[in-house]
Amino acid sequence: MRFAKLLVALLAVVLLAGCAAKQDEPTPEPSQEPTQQESSATTIAECLGKHYASWNDFNQGIQGGTQIPQSLQLHVEKTIDGYVYDKDVIVSFWNRLSQLRVDAEPSTDEKIEGERISFTFDSGKEVIPFRFRTTRYLELSDGTYYAVEEPNKVKELVDELKGLVEQEMPKAGTELEKQNDAYFWDANGDGMLEHMWIDVVNNGDEAPSVMNVRVFGEDLDVSDSINGGYSVDRVTLMEDDQGPYVVLDYAAGDYYSHDTPKQCTVRLVGDELKIEDVAA
């Protein structure tokens, strides 16, 4: 019996000593290292903010409502190229694109291919694009790529804006507004807008001026000229059984007098641009 009591006493001493030792051990400090989840992703806003020196000013103009871009262009390679002008839509897409998440470090994939997608915001003074290579990679102008965390969200934005762009496509009979020195219309009827530039070459008093007309697109680059053209008064989109074309109202003449109103049609015929005068 005495032996049993002694054994119990010894066990109690050992247990008390163990508890005391555990209490003396310092509590480990929480790690100050960022977790893998915190360090592996960033927003597109943070990524492009480092790429464009004017990003913050551009963003502040949008958030404060003082400089909302005049247009948002959606371009999907060989599929669609169009614009929206609604300010609420433009602000919404800027914010939603900005908050998409991408890897914090550039992709190490050696070869990244696939269709190009871009959302381009034009303030009238500056253009900032969100470029993607397919929906899986953010593409910067210096050729670096960042993997997108949720590619399905890029696709959702493309599909939503595509529907809005199709509603905004210019209709026959409407006057085209000049945007950044170009007029936009679907010259070949493929559902994508081409740029039309009209440049006046002033020949002084030696010869009448010339208006050079160039239509440029994804797989299109054609031009023609108008002798004696001095300024553009109006560009109207039209369509007939041969397809889309524009009617160009302009001022014509020579160095001494060039205020005669004239009208011509501009249309794509095969792989050439044809300009024909409209009979008075």
C-alpha atoms as a PDB file:
ATOM      1  CA  MET A   1       0.000   0.000   0.000  1.00  0.00           C
ATOM      2  CA  ARG A   2       2.790   2.393   0.878  1.00  0.00           C
ATOM      3  CA  PHE A   3       4.403   1.557  -2.464  1.00  0.00           C
ATOM      4  CA  ALA A   4       1.180   2.369  -4.359  1.00  0.00           C
ATOM      5  CA  LYS A   5       0.797   5.727  -2.601  1.00  0.00           C
ATOM      6  CA  LEU A   6       4.427   6.568  -3.409  1.00  0.00           C
ATOM      7  CA  LEU A   7       3.894   5.706  -7.091  1.00  0.00           C
ATOM      8  CA  VAL A   8       0.802   7.943  -7.311  1.00  0.00           C
ATOM      9  CA  ALA A   9       2.712  10.812  -5.714  1.00  0.00           C
ATOM     10  CA  LEU A  10       5.577  10.453  -8.197  1.00  0.00           C
ATOM     11  CA  LEU A  11       3.166  10.448 -11.170  1.00  0.00           C
ATOM     12  CA  ALA A  12       1.510  13.611  -9.888  1.00  0.00           C
ATOM     13  CA  VAL A  13       4.870  15.373  -9.652  1.00  0.00           C
ATOM     14  CA  VAL A  14       5.741  14.357 -13.239  1.00  0.00           C
ATOM     15  CA  LEU A  15       2.391  15.613 -14.610  1.00  0.00           C
ATOM     16  CA  LEU A  16       2.691  18.955 -12.784  1.00  0.00           C
ATOM     17  CA  ALA A  17       6.196  19.432 -14.130  1.00  0.00           C
ATOM     18  CA  GLY A  18       5.006  18.726 -17.677  1.00  0.00           C
ATOM     19  CA  CYS A  19       2.175  21.254 -17.417  1.00  0.00           C
ATOM     20  CA  ALA A  20       4.533  23.879 -16.074  1.00  0.00           C
ATOM     21  CA  ALA A  21       6.945  23.277 -18.942  1.00  0.00           C
ATOM     22  CA  LYS A  22       4.154  23.711 -21.485  1.00  0.00           C
ATOM     23  CA  GLN A  23       3.074  26.985 -19.867  1.00  0.00           C
ATOM     24  CA  ASP A  24       6.635  28.293 -20.079  1.00  0.00           C
ATOM     25  CA  GLU A  25       6.868  27.647 -23.858  1.00  0.00           C
ATOM     26  CA  PRO A  26       6.470  30.934 -25.799  1.00  0.00           C
ATOM     27  CA  THR A  27       3.346  31.264 -27.948  1.00  0.00           C
ATOM     28  CA  PRO A  28       4.436  31.318 -31.606  1.00  0.00           C
ATOM     29  CA  GLU A  29       3.909  34.684 -33.348  1.00  0.00           C
ATOM     30  CA  PRO A  30       1.613  34.672 -36.406  1.00  0.00           C
ATOM     31  CA  SER A  31       3.587  34.542 -39.616  1.00  0.00           C
ATOM     32  CA  GLN A  32       4.208  37.935 -41.217  1.00  0.00           C
ATOM     33  CA  GLU A  33       4.717  36.320 -44.618  1.00  0.00           C
ATOM     34  CA  PRO A  34       1.860  36.873 -47.090  1.00  0.00           C
ATOM     35  CA  THR A  35      -0.171  33.809 -47.889  1.00  0.00           C
ATOM     36  CA  GLN A  36       0.052  32.226 -51.316  1.00  0.00           C
ATOM     37  CA  GLN A  37      -3.457  33.456 -52.107  1.00  0.00           C
ATOM     38  CA  GLU A  38      -2.597  37.056 -51.136  1.00  0.00           C
ATOM     39  CA  SER A  39       0.627  37.167 -53.123  1.00  0.00           C
ATOM     40  CA  SER A  40      -0.425  35.299 -56.292  1.00  0.00           C
ATOM     41  CA  ALA A  41      -3.060  37.674 -57.697  1.00  0.00           C
ATOM     42  CA  THR A  42      -3.710  41.357 -58.268  1.00  0.00           C
ATOM     43  CA  THR A  43      -6.371  43.442 -59.988  1.00  0.00           C
ATOM     44  CA  ILE A  44      -6.075  44.611 -63.573  1.00  0.00           C
ATOM     45  CA  ALA A  45      -6.279  48.172 -62.212  1.00  0.00           C
ATOM     46  CA  GLU A  46      -3.120  47.594 -60.167  1.00  0.00           C
ATOM     47  CA  CYS A  47      -1.414  45.889 -63.107  1.00  0.00           C
ATOM     48  CA  LEU A  48      -2.234  48.590 -65.684  1.00  0.00           C
ATOM     49  CA  GLY A  49      -1.591  51.333 -63.122  1.00  0.00           C
ATOM     50  CA  LYS A  50       2.074  50.328 -63.235  1.00  0.00           C
ATOM     51  CA  HIS A  51       2.037  50.153 -67.034  1.00  0.00           C
ATOM     52  CA  TYR A  52       0.403  53.509 -67.840  1.00  0.00           C
ATOM     53  CA  ALA A  53       1.791  56.649 -66.186  1.00  0.00           C
ATOM     54  CA  SER A  54      -1.539  58.430 -66.660  1.00  0.00           C
ATOM     55  CA  TRP A  55      -3.694  55.609 -65.295  1.00  0.00           C
ATOM     56  CA  ASN A  56      -4.512  57.286 -61.978  1.00  0.00           C
ATOM     57  CA  ASP A  57      -5.553  60.574 -63.597  1.00  0.00           C
ATOM     58  CA  PHE A  58      -7.632  58.724 -66.196  1.00  0.00           C
ATOM     59  CA  ASN A  59      -9.324  56.661 -63.472  1.00  0.00           C
ATOM     60  CA  GLN A  60      -9.956  59.681 -61.227  1.00  0.00           C
ATOM     61  CA  GLY A  61     -11.633  61.484 -64.115  1.00  0.00           C
ATOM     62  CA  ILE A  62     -14.009  58.540 -64.509  1.00  0.00           C
ATOM     63  CA  GLN A  63     -14.705  58.056 -60.806  1.00  0.00           C
ATOM     64  CA  GLY A  64     -15.261  61.774 -60.254  1.00  0.00           C
ATOM     65  CA  GLY A  65     -17.408  62.123 -63.390  1.00  0.00           C
ATOM     66  CA  THR A  66     -15.227  64.948 -64.713  1.00  0.00           C
ATOM     67  CA  GLN A  67     -13.676  63.062 -67.634  1.00  0.00           C
ATOM     68  CA  ILE A  68     -15.780  60.083 -68.653  1.00  0.00           C
ATOM     69  CA  PRO A  69     -14.506  58.616 -71.955  1.00  0.00           C
ATOM     70  CA  GLN A  70     -16.534  59.600 -74.985  1.00  0.00           C
ATOM     71  CA  SER A  71     -16.561  56.072 -76.366  1.00  0.00           C
ATOM     72  CA  LEU A  72     -15.827  52.435 -75.587  1.00  0.00           C
ATOM     73  CA  GLN A  73     -14.727  50.220 -78.463  1.00  0.00           C
ATOM     74  CA  LEU A  74     -15.045  46.444 -78.436  1.00  0.00           C
ATOM     75  CA  HIS A  75     -12.794  44.618 -80.869  1.00  0.00           C
ATOM     76  CA  VAL A  76     -12.813  40.840 -81.161  1.00  0.00           C
ATOM     77  CA  GLU A  77     -10.439  39.664 -83.877  1.00  0.00           C
ATOM     78  CA  LYS A  78     -12.265  38.802 -87.110  1.00  0.00           C
ATOM     79  CA  THR A  79     -15.617  38.876 -85.287  1.00  0.00           C
ATOM     80  CA  ILE A  80     -16.776  42.324 -84.218  1.00  0.00           C
ATOM     81  CA  ASP A  81     -15.537  45.896 -84.049  1.00  0.00           C
ATOM     82  CA  GLY A  82     -17.964  48.454 -82.685  1.00  0.00           C
ATOM     83  CA  TYR A  83     -18.606  51.253 -80.217  1.00  0.00           C
ATOM     84  CA  VAL A  84     -20.904  52.333 -77.399  1.00  0.00           C
ATOM     85  CA  TYR A  85     -21.312  55.920 -76.238  1.00  0.00           C
ATOM     86  CA  ASP A  86     -23.583  55.639 -73.199  1.00  0.00           C
ATOM     87  CA  LYS A  87     -21.661  57.110 -70.247  1.00  0.00           C
ATOM     88  CA  ASP A  88     -23.204  54.774 -67.665  1.00  0.00           C
ATOM     89  CA  VAL A  89     -22.230  51.750 -69.749  1.00  0.00           C
ATOM     90  CA  ILE A  90     -18.695  53.084 -70.201  1.00  0.00           C
ATOM     91  CA  VAL A  91     -18.197  53.688 -66.462  1.00  0.00           C
ATOM     92  CA  SER A  92     -19.641  50.266 -65.597  1.00  0.00           C
ATOM     93  CA  PHE A  93     -17.330  48.393 -67.964  1.00  0.00           C
ATOM     94  CA  TRP A  94     -14.276  50.383 -66.832  1.00  0.00           C
ATOM     95  CA  ASN A  95     -14.916  49.471 -63.208  1.00  0.00           C
ATOM     96  CA  ARG A  96     -15.742  45.830 -63.866  1.00  0.00           C
ATOM     97  CA  LEU A  97     -12.694  45.303 -66.063  1.00  0.00           C
ATOM     98  CA  SER A  98     -10.478  47.095 -63.544  1.00  0.00           C
ATOM     99  CA  GLN A  99     -11.515  44.729 -60.749  1.00  0.00           C
ATOM    100  CA  LEU A 100     -10.837  41.505 -62.654  1.00  0.00           C
ATOM    101  CA  ARG A 101      -7.939  39.619 -61.088  1.00  0.00           C
ATOM    102  CA  VAL A 102      -4.796  38.372 -62.800  1.00  0.00           C
ATOM    103  CA  ASP A 103      -1.601  36.704 -61.635  1.00  0.00           C
ATOM    104  CA  ALA A 104       0.749  39.153 -59.942  1.00  0.00           C
ATOM    105  CA  GLU A 105       3.690  37.885 -62.013  1.00  0.00           C
ATOM    106  CA  PRO A 106       3.866  37.635 -65.817  1.00  0.00           C
ATOM    107  CA  SER A 107       3.144  34.291 -67.410  1.00  0.00           C
ATOM    108  CA  THR A 108       6.145  32.092 -68.134  1.00  0.00           C
ATOM    109  CA  ASP A 109       4.440  30.383 -71.068  1.00  0.00           C
ATOM    110  CA  GLU A 110       6.770  30.733 -74.039  1.00  0.00           C
ATOM    111  CA  LYS A 111       4.096  30.927 -76.730  1.00  0.00           C
ATOM    112  CA  ILE A 112       0.624  32.372 -76.186  1.00  0.00           C
ATOM    113  CA  GLU A 113      -1.681  32.441 -79.183  1.00  0.00           C
ATOM    114  CA  GLY A 114      -5.375  32.876 -79.922  1.00  0.00           C
ATOM    115  CA  GLU A 115      -7.807  35.623 -80.864  1.00  0.00           C
ATOM    116  CA  ARG A 116      -7.159  39.141 -79.637  1.00  0.00           C
ATOM    117  CA  ILE A 117      -9.836  40.941 -77.634  1.00  0.00           C
ATOM    118  CA  SER A 118      -9.721  44.597 -76.624  1.00  0.00           C
ATOM    119  CA  PHE A 119     -11.890  47.051 -74.713  1.00  0.00           C
ATOM    120  CA  THR A 120     -10.639  50.530 -75.629  1.00  0.00           C
ATOM    121  CA  PHE A 121     -11.634  53.657 -73.683  1.00  0.00           C
ATOM    122  CA  ASP A 122     -11.209  56.946 -75.560  1.00  0.00           C
ATOM    123  CA  SER A 123     -11.367  60.222 -73.612  1.00  0.00           C
ATOM    124  CA  GLY A 124     -10.854  62.342 -76.720  1.00  0.00           C
ATOM    125  CA  LYS A 125      -7.360  63.185 -75.458  1.00  0.00           C
ATOM    126  CA  GLU A 126      -6.036  59.759 -74.568  1.00  0.00           C
ATOM    127  CA  VAL A 127      -6.834  56.119 -75.228  1.00  0.00           C
ATOM    128  CA  ILE A 128      -6.396  53.327 -72.672  1.00  0.00           C
ATOM    129  CA  PRO A 129      -7.071  49.739 -73.796  1.00  0.00           C
ATOM    130  CA  PHE A 130      -7.699  46.550 -71.857  1.00  0.00           C
ATOM    131  CA  ARG A 131      -6.178  43.933 -74.170  1.00  0.00           C
ATOM    132  CA  PHE A 132      -6.613  40.182 -73.856  1.00  0.00           C
ATOM    133  CA  ARG A 133      -5.241  37.191 -75.749  1.00  0.00           C
ATOM    134  CA  THR A 134      -8.304  34.931 -75.687  1.00  0.00           C
ATOM    135  CA  THR A 135     -10.143  35.315 -72.394  1.00  0.00           C
ATOM    136  CA  ARG A 136      -7.307  33.653 -70.476  1.00  0.00           C
ATOM    137  CA  TYR A 137      -4.549  36.285 -70.617  1.00  0.00           C
ATOM    138  CA  LEU A 138      -4.254  40.036 -70.126  1.00  0.00           C
ATOM    139  CA  GLU A 139      -1.872  41.316 -72.818  1.00  0.00           C
ATOM    140  CA  LEU A 140       0.258  44.432 -72.341  1.00  0.00           C
ATOM    141  CA  SER A 141       1.698  46.506 -75.159  1.00  0.00           C
ATOM    142  CA  ASP A 142       5.246  45.434 -74.244  1.00  0.00           C
ATOM    143  CA  GLY A 143       4.390  41.813 -75.019  1.00  0.00           C
ATOM    144  CA  THR A 144       3.987  40.497 -71.482  1.00  0.00           C
ATOM    145  CA  TYR A 145       1.009  38.395 -70.455  1.00  0.00           C
ATOM    146  CA  TYR A 146      -0.764  37.884 -67.139  1.00  0.00           C
ATOM    147  CA  ALA A 147      -3.026  34.883 -66.590  1.00  0.00           C
ATOM    148  CA  VAL A 148      -6.630  35.845 -65.823  1.00  0.00           C
ATOM    149  CA  GLU A 149      -8.001  34.332 -62.625  1.00  0.00           C
ATOM    150  CA  GLU A 150     -11.559  33.886 -63.951  1.00  0.00           C
ATOM    151  CA  PRO A 151     -11.617  33.829 -67.788  1.00  0.00           C
ATOM    152  CA  ASN A 152     -15.373  33.242 -67.754  1.00  0.00           C
ATOM    153  CA  LYS A 153     -15.849  36.793 -66.417  1.00  0.00           C
ATOM    154  CA  VAL A 154     -13.979  38.223 -69.424  1.00  0.00           C
ATOM    155  CA  LYS A 155     -16.261  36.208 -71.714  1.00  0.00           C
ATOM    156  CA  GLU A 156     -19.334  37.523 -69.899  1.00  0.00           C
ATOM    157  CA  LEU A 157     -18.172  41.109 -70.432  1.00  0.00           C
ATOM    158  CA  VAL A 158     -17.449  40.427 -74.120  1.00  0.00           C
ATOM    159  CA  ASP A 159     -20.877  38.885 -74.692  1.00  0.00           C
ATOM    160  CA  GLU A 160     -22.685  41.683 -72.857  1.00  0.00           C
ATOM    161  CA  LEU A 161     -20.867  44.482 -74.665  1.00  0.00           C
ATOM    162  CA  LYS A 162     -21.207  42.709 -78.008  1.00  0.00           C
ATOM    163  CA  GLY A 163     -24.980  42.936 -77.671  1.00  0.00           C
ATOM    164  CA  LEU A 164     -24.790  46.637 -76.852  1.00  0.00           C
ATOM    165  CA  VAL A 165     -22.386  47.327 -79.726  1.00  0.00           C
ATOM    166  CA  GLU A 166     -24.687  45.623 -82.218  1.00  0.00           C
ATOM    167  CA  GLN A 167     -27.509  47.918 -81.073  1.00  0.00           C
ATOM    168  CA  GLU A 168     -25.241  50.953 -81.614  1.00  0.00           C
ATOM    169  CA  MET A 169     -24.118  49.989 -85.142  1.00  0.00           C
ATOM    170  CA  PRO A 170     -24.960  52.914 -87.477  1.00  0.00           C
ATOM    171  CA  LYS A 171     -28.089  52.420 -89.567  1.00  0.00           C
ATOM    172  CA  ALA A 172     -28.648  53.398 -93.180  1.00  0.00           C
ATOM    173  CA  GLY A 173     -29.853  56.971 -93.463  1.00  0.00           C
ATOM    174  CA  THR A 174     -27.973  58.253 -90.419  1.00  0.00           C
ATOM    175  CA  GLU A 175     -25.340  60.963 -90.488  1.00  0.00           C
ATOM    176  CA  LEU A 176     -21.933  59.735 -89.305  1.00  0.00           C
ATOM    177  CA  GLU A 177     -20.158  61.751 -86.632  1.00  0.00           C
ATOM    178  CA  LYS A 178     -16.417  62.293 -86.898  1.00  0.00           C
ATOM    179  CA  GLN A 179     -14.461  60.599 -84.111  1.00  0.00           C
ATOM    180  CA  ASN A 180     -10.734  61.187 -83.688  1.00  0.00           C
ATOM    181  CA  ASP A 181     -10.396  62.315 -87.301  1.00  0.00           C
ATOM    182  CA  ALA A 182     -12.228  59.267 -88.684  1.00  0.00           C
ATOM    183  CA  TYR A 183     -15.707  58.185 -89.723  1.00  0.00           C
ATOM    184  CA  PHE A 184     -16.752  54.619 -88.900  1.00  0.00           C
ATOM    185  CA  TRP A 185     -18.958  52.443 -91.103  1.00  0.00           C
ATOM    186  CA  ASP A 186     -19.170  48.833 -92.261  1.00  0.00           C
ATOM    187  CA  ALA A 187     -17.780  49.225 -95.761  1.00  0.00           C
ATOM    188  CA  ASN A 188     -17.738  45.529 -96.713  1.00  0.00           C
ATOM    189  CA  GLY A 189     -20.833  44.391 -94.820  1.00  0.00           C
ATOM    190  CA  ASP A 190     -19.006  41.916 -92.572  1.00  0.00           C
ATOM    191  CA  GLY A 191     -20.411  43.289 -89.304  1.00  0.00           C
ATOM    192  CA  MET A 192     -17.209  45.129 -88.383  1.00  0.00           C
ATOM    193  CA  LEU A 193     -16.690  48.889 -88.579  1.00  0.00           C
ATOM    194  CA  GLU A 194     -13.959  50.259 -90.811  1.00  0.00           C
ATOM    195  CA  HIS A 195     -12.194  53.618 -90.336  1.00  0.00           C
ATOM    196  CA  MET A 196     -12.595  56.211 -93.081  1.00  0.00           C
ATOM    197  CA  TRP A 197     -10.089  59.061 -93.073  1.00  0.00           C
ATOM    198  CA  ILE A 198     -10.481  62.117 -95.303  1.00  0.00           C
ATOM    199  CA  ASP A 199      -7.360  64.275 -95.635  1.00  0.00           C
ATOM    200  CA  VAL A 200      -7.238  67.515 -97.608  1.00  0.00           C
ATOM    201  CA  VAL A 201      -3.996  68.202 -99.476  1.00  0.00           C
ATOM    202  CA  ASN A 202      -3.725  71.957-100.008  1.00  0.00           C
ATOM    203  CA  ASN A 203      -1.858  72.694-103.239  1.00  0.00           C
ATOM    204  CA  GLY A 204      -1.925  76.465-102.750  1.00  0.00           C
ATOM    205  CA  ASP A 205      -2.566  78.537-105.863  1.00  0.00           C
ATOM    206  CA  GLU A 206      -0.733  76.119-108.140  1.00  0.00           C
ATOM    207  CA  ALA A 207      -3.556  73.572-108.428  1.00  0.00           C
ATOM    208  CA  PRO A 208      -6.890  72.731-106.804  1.00  0.00           C
ATOM    209  CA  SER A 209      -6.742  70.897-103.504  1.00  0.00           C
ATOM    210  CA  VAL A 210      -7.312  67.150-103.308  1.00  0.00           C
ATOM    211  CA  MET A 211      -9.261  65.177-100.715  1.00  0.00           C
ATOM    212  CA  ASN A 212      -7.735  61.749-100.147  1.00  0.00           C
ATOM    213  CA  VAL A 213     -10.195  59.154 -98.851  1.00  0.00           C
ATOM    214  CA  ARG A 214      -8.852  56.013 -97.158  1.00  0.00           C
ATOM    215  CA  VAL A 215     -10.936  53.142 -95.746  1.00  0.00           C
ATOM    216  CA  PHE A 216      -9.039  50.875 -93.382  1.00  0.00           C
ATOM    217  CA  GLY A 217     -10.080  47.761 -91.451  1.00  0.00           C
ATOM    218  CA  GLU A 218      -9.094  44.284 -90.257  1.00  0.00           C
ATOM    219  CA  ASP A 219      -8.348  42.943 -93.751  1.00  0.00           C
ATOM    220  CA  LEU A 220      -8.974  46.090 -95.755  1.00  0.00           C
ATOM    221  CA  ASP A 221      -6.910  49.108 -96.788  1.00  0.00           C
ATOM    222  CA  VAL A 222      -8.132  50.981 -99.873  1.00  0.00           C
ATOM    223  CA  SER A 223      -8.104  54.598-101.010  1.00  0.00           C
ATOM    224  CA  ASP A 224      -9.237  57.028-103.710  1.00  0.00           C
ATOM    225  CA  SER A 225      -9.220  60.799-104.113  1.00  0.00           C
ATOM    226  CA  ILE A 226     -11.510  63.728-104.920  1.00  0.00           C
ATOM    227  CA  ASN A 227      -9.979  66.456-107.065  1.00  0.00           C
ATOM    228  CA  GLY A 228     -11.027  69.958-106.097  1.00  0.00           C
ATOM    229  CA  GLY A 229     -12.358  68.957-102.692  1.00  0.00           C
ATOM    230  CA  TYR A 230     -11.705  71.418 -99.856  1.00  0.00           C
ATOM    231  CA  SER A 231     -13.819  70.452 -96.853  1.00  0.00           C
ATOM    232  CA  VAL A 232     -16.344  67.870 -95.685  1.00  0.00           C
ATOM    233  CA  ASP A 233     -19.831  69.100 -94.815  1.00  0.00           C
ATOM    234  CA  ARG A 234     -21.619  65.837 -94.096  1.00  0.00           C
ATOM    235  CA  VAL A 235     -21.175  62.049 -94.347  1.00  0.00           C
ATOM    236  CA  THR A 236     -24.349  59.949 -94.546  1.00  0.00           C
ATOM    237  CA  LEU A 237     -24.488  56.155 -94.401  1.00  0.00           C
ATOM    238  CA  MET A 238     -26.670  54.539 -97.061  1.00  0.00           C
ATOM    239  CA  GLU A 239     -27.368  51.049 -98.406  1.00  0.00           C
ATOM    240  CA  ASP A 240     -28.812  49.574-101.604  1.00  0.00           C
ATOM    241  CA  ASP A 241     -28.886  46.191-103.325  1.00  0.00           C
ATOM    242  CA  GLN A 242     -25.132  46.463-103.899  1.00  0.00           C
ATOM    243  CA  GLY A 243     -24.396  46.915-100.201  1.00  0.00           C
ATOM    244  CA  PRO A 244     -23.422  49.758 -97.851  1.00  0.00           C
ATOM    245  CA  TYR A 245     -21.954  53.058 -99.041  1.00  0.00           C
ATOM    246  CA  VAL A 246     -21.697  56.666 -97.902  1.00  0.00           C
ATOM    247  CA  VAL A 247     -22.823  59.912 -99.468  1.00  0.00           C
ATOM    248  CA  LEU A 248     -20.237  62.634 -99.003  1.00  0.00           C
ATOM    249  CA  ASP A 249     -21.334  66.290 -99.101  1.00  0.00           C
ATOM    250  CA  TYR A 250     -18.338  68.575 -99.562  1.00  0.00           C
ATOM    251  CA  ALA A 251     -17.196  72.013-100.687  1.00  0.00           C
ATOM    252  CA  ALA A 252     -15.407  72.098-104.048  1.00  0.00           C
ATOM    253  CA  GLY A 253     -13.633  74.607-106.277  1.00  0.00           C
ATOM    254  CA  ASP A 254     -10.124  75.998-106.626  1.00  0.00           C
ATOM    255  CA  TYR A 255      -7.730  78.263-104.723  1.00  0.00           C
ATOM    256  CA  TYR A 256      -9.739  81.413-105.476  1.00  0.00           C
ATOM    257  CA  SER A 257     -13.214  80.035-104.861  1.00  0.00           C
ATOM    258  CA  HIS A 258     -14.014  76.758-103.143  1.00  0.00           C
ATOM    259  CA  ASP A 259     -17.468  76.977-101.674  1.00  0.00           C
ATOM    260  CA  THR A 260     -19.418  75.136-104.366  1.00  0.00           C
ATOM    261  CA  PRO A 261     -21.540  72.391-102.742  1.00  0.00           C
ATOM    262  CA  LYS A 262     -21.015  68.983-104.311  1.00  0.00           C
ATOM    263  CA  GLN A 263     -21.947  65.419-103.501  1.00  0.00           C
ATOM    264  CA  CYS A 264     -20.380  62.046-104.227  1.00  0.00           C
ATOM    265  CA  THR A 265     -20.769  58.411-103.228  1.00  0.00           C
ATOM    266  CA  VAL A 266     -18.006  56.320-101.660  1.00  0.00           C
ATOM    267  CA  ARG A 267     -18.305  52.554-101.756  1.00  0.00           C
ATOM    268  CA  LEU A 268     -16.222  49.389-101.791  1.00  0.00           C
ATOM    269  CA  VAL A 269     -16.412  47.536-105.100  1.00  0.00           C
ATOM    270  CA  GLY A 270     -14.520  44.271-104.974  1.00  0.00           C
ATOM    271  CA  ASP A 271     -11.127  45.159-103.563  1.00  0.00           C
ATOM    272  CA  GLU A 272     -11.213  48.798-104.682  1.00  0.00           C
ATOM    273  CA  LEU A 273     -12.695  52.021-103.319  1.00  0.00           C
ATOM    274  CA  LYS A 274     -14.872  53.805-105.856  1.00  0.00           C
ATOM    275  CA  ILE A 275     -15.847  57.491-105.625  1.00  0.00           C
ATOM    276  CA  GLU A 276     -18.471  58.791-108.028  1.00  0.00           C
ATOM    277  CA  ASP A 277     -20.039  62.220-108.337  1.00  0.00           C
ATOM    278  CA  VAL A 278     -23.775  62.512-107.743  1.00  0.00           C
ATOM    279  CA  ALA A 279     -25.481  64.359-110.583  1.00  0.00           C
ATOM    280  CA  ALA A 280     -26.867  67.739-109.504  1.00  0.00           C
END
